Amino acid sequence: MRQTKKKISKHLSNSERLRILEEYLTSAAK
């Protein structure tokens, strides 16, 4: 999981990372 996050953070900008994190948290809350 951590490795995936590092790869994602390298490829995405901060705003995109925050948006994806929001979507992930929202889907996890359901």
N, C-alpha and C. Protein backbone atom coordinates (compact mmCIF):
# COMPACT_ATOMS: atom_id res chain seq x y z
N MET A 1 0.84 -1.20 0.00
CA MET A 1 0.00 0.00 0.00
C MET A 1 0.87 1.25 0.00
N ARG A 2 1.88 1.25 0.86
CA ARG A 2 2.74 2.43 0.94
C ARG A 2 3.48 2.65 -0.37
N GLN A 3 3.95 1.56 -0.98
CA GLN A 3 4.66 1.68 -2.24
C GLN A 3 3.75 2.28 -3.31
N THR A 4 2.50 1.85 -3.32
CA THR A 4 1.55 2.37 -4.30
C THR A 4 1.34 3.86 -4.10
N LYS A 5 1.21 4.28 -2.85
CA LYS A 5 1.01 5.70 -2.57
C LYS A 5 2.21 6.51 -3.04
N LYS A 6 3.41 5.99 -2.85
CA LYS A 6 4.61 6.71 -3.28
C LYS A 6 4.61 6.85 -4.80
N LYS A 7 4.27 5.79 -5.50
CA LYS A 7 4.22 5.86 -6.96
C LYS A 7 3.18 6.88 -7.40
N ILE A 8 2.02 6.84 -6.78
CA ILE A 8 0.94 7.77 -7.14
C ILE A 8 1.38 9.20 -6.88
N SER A 9 2.00 9.45 -5.74
CA SER A 9 2.38 10.80 -5.38
C SER A 9 3.41 11.35 -6.36
N LYS A 10 4.23 10.47 -6.93
CA LYS A 10 5.22 10.93 -7.89
C LYS A 10 4.56 11.35 -9.20
N HIS A 11 3.50 10.66 -9.58
CA HIS A 11 2.88 10.89 -10.88
C HIS A 11 1.81 11.97 -10.85
N LEU A 12 1.22 12.21 -9.68
CA LEU A 12 0.11 13.15 -9.62
C LEU A 12 0.50 14.43 -8.90
N SER A 13 -0.22 15.49 -9.24
CA SER A 13 -0.03 16.75 -8.52
C SER A 13 -0.74 16.68 -7.17
N ASN A 14 -0.50 17.65 -6.32
CA ASN A 14 -1.10 17.63 -4.98
C ASN A 14 -2.62 17.65 -5.05
N SER A 15 -3.17 18.49 -5.93
CA SER A 15 -4.63 18.61 -6.01
C SER A 15 -5.25 17.30 -6.46
N GLU A 16 -4.63 16.64 -7.43
CA GLU A 16 -5.17 15.36 -7.90
C GLU A 16 -5.08 14.32 -6.80
N ARG A 17 -3.98 14.35 -6.05
CA ARG A 17 -3.80 13.37 -4.97
C ARG A 17 -4.87 13.57 -3.91
N LEU A 18 -5.17 14.82 -3.58
CA LEU A 18 -6.20 15.10 -2.57
C LEU A 18 -7.56 14.63 -3.05
N ARG A 19 -7.85 14.86 -4.33
CA ARG A 19 -9.14 14.46 -4.87
C ARG A 19 -9.28 12.94 -4.83
N ILE A 20 -8.25 12.24 -5.21
CA ILE A 20 -8.29 10.77 -5.19
C ILE A 20 -8.42 10.26 -3.77
N LEU A 21 -7.71 10.91 -2.84
CA LEU A 21 -7.79 10.49 -1.44
C LEU A 21 -9.21 10.69 -0.93
N GLU A 22 -9.83 11.80 -1.32
CA GLU A 22 -11.22 12.05 -0.92
C GLU A 22 -12.13 10.95 -1.45
N GLU A 23 -11.97 10.62 -2.73
CA GLU A 23 -12.81 9.57 -3.32
C GLU A 23 -12.59 8.24 -2.61
N TYR A 24 -11.34 7.96 -2.27
CA TYR A 24 -11.03 6.70 -1.59
C TYR A 24 -11.70 6.65 -0.22
N LEU A 25 -11.60 7.75 0.52
CA LEU A 25 -12.20 7.78 1.86
C LEU A 25 -13.72 7.69 1.76
N THR A 26 -14.29 8.34 0.76
CA THR A 26 -15.74 8.31 0.59
C THR A 26 -16.21 6.88 0.29
N SER A 27 -15.51 6.21 -0.61
CA SER A 27 -15.91 4.85 -0.97
C SER A 27 -15.67 3.89 0.19
N ALA A 28 -14.66 4.16 0.99
CA ALA A 28 -14.36 3.29 2.13
C ALA A 28 -15.40 3.46 3.23
N ALA A 29 -16.01 4.64 3.29
CA ALA A 29 -16.98 4.92 4.35
C ALA A 29 -18.31 4.24 4.07
N LYS A 30 -18.58 3.92 2.80
CA LYS A 30 -19.86 3.32 2.46
C LYS A 30 -19.96 1.89 2.98
